[in-house]
Amino acid sequence: MLDERGRFVISLLSGHIGGGNALTETLAAALSAVPVVTTATDVNGRFSVDAWAARQGLLIESMETAKRYSAAVLMEDLPFVSDLPIVGSPPPGTFPGESGALGFAVTARDIRPFAETLRLIPPVLHVGIGCKRGTPAERIRAAVEEAFRESGLLFPAVTALASIDVKADETGLLAFARETGREIRFFTADQLRNAPGEFSASAFVANAVGVDNVCERAAVLSAGDGAELLVRKIGRNGVTVAVAREKRRICFE
């Protein structure tokens, strides 16, 4: 909101996640006006976990926990842990720590290191899938869910699915991608053969599709340079699943 004389730009709604505070600062600078930001963490110079998570592209698992965190950080410094490397110094209000009553965790794993943990989930996982012709979506879903249960990974951290291009018309696989709202990427046998790393090999698969492994190689290719294969091939009812994590770091500004 702008006052009638254009002297003040006032942030009214969704200051953190919606970017209202940032927009207020930008407009005020452009108009040579005074930005008016009233959110408590900003006024007191404390860490705004929800605004930071939004800037880093992290999924806030629980907004209720985020609200409790934002209230508590006004009173005391709170700990955090992260699966991913964090660049920069922790801002006022937070510090690295392994335990405590309340803290946040940047994680793609099913962990809760604090008595009350605010999980911030990075979209860094890529799921490679192989399946027999005609495999229904529910069987693919069951195999993927089992792989995530066994590995202790969080499916909300998945940003893409991947397979071989001969499966590009596989009804069950496409249906699973739609149901989960995830992009699905397809690679040729040549591309899969050239994936960097060491993979499980199957002569049967090589004879059928021209490459000795689909799920592991597809997951790594989808995750890009520096990918780490977290879950090697798990086979269930004609479906194979593997999970890779893309190389990524996050920043304290």
Foldseek 3Di string as FASTA:
>chain_A
DADPVRAEQEQDPDVALVVSQVVQVVVCVVSVHHYHDDDPCVVQQADQVRNQLNVQVWDWPDVVLSVVLSVVLSPAAAEEEEPAAEDDDDGRRYDHDQEEQEDEYAFQFQDARYVHYGYTYAQFKEKEKDFDAPDAQVQQVVQVVVQCVVLRGHPVSHAAYEWAPVCVVRVRVVVNCVVVVHHYYHHHQVQLQPQDDDADFDPVVCVVRNHGDIGQSGRRVVLDPPKAWRAHWDDDDGMTMTMIGHHDYHYDD
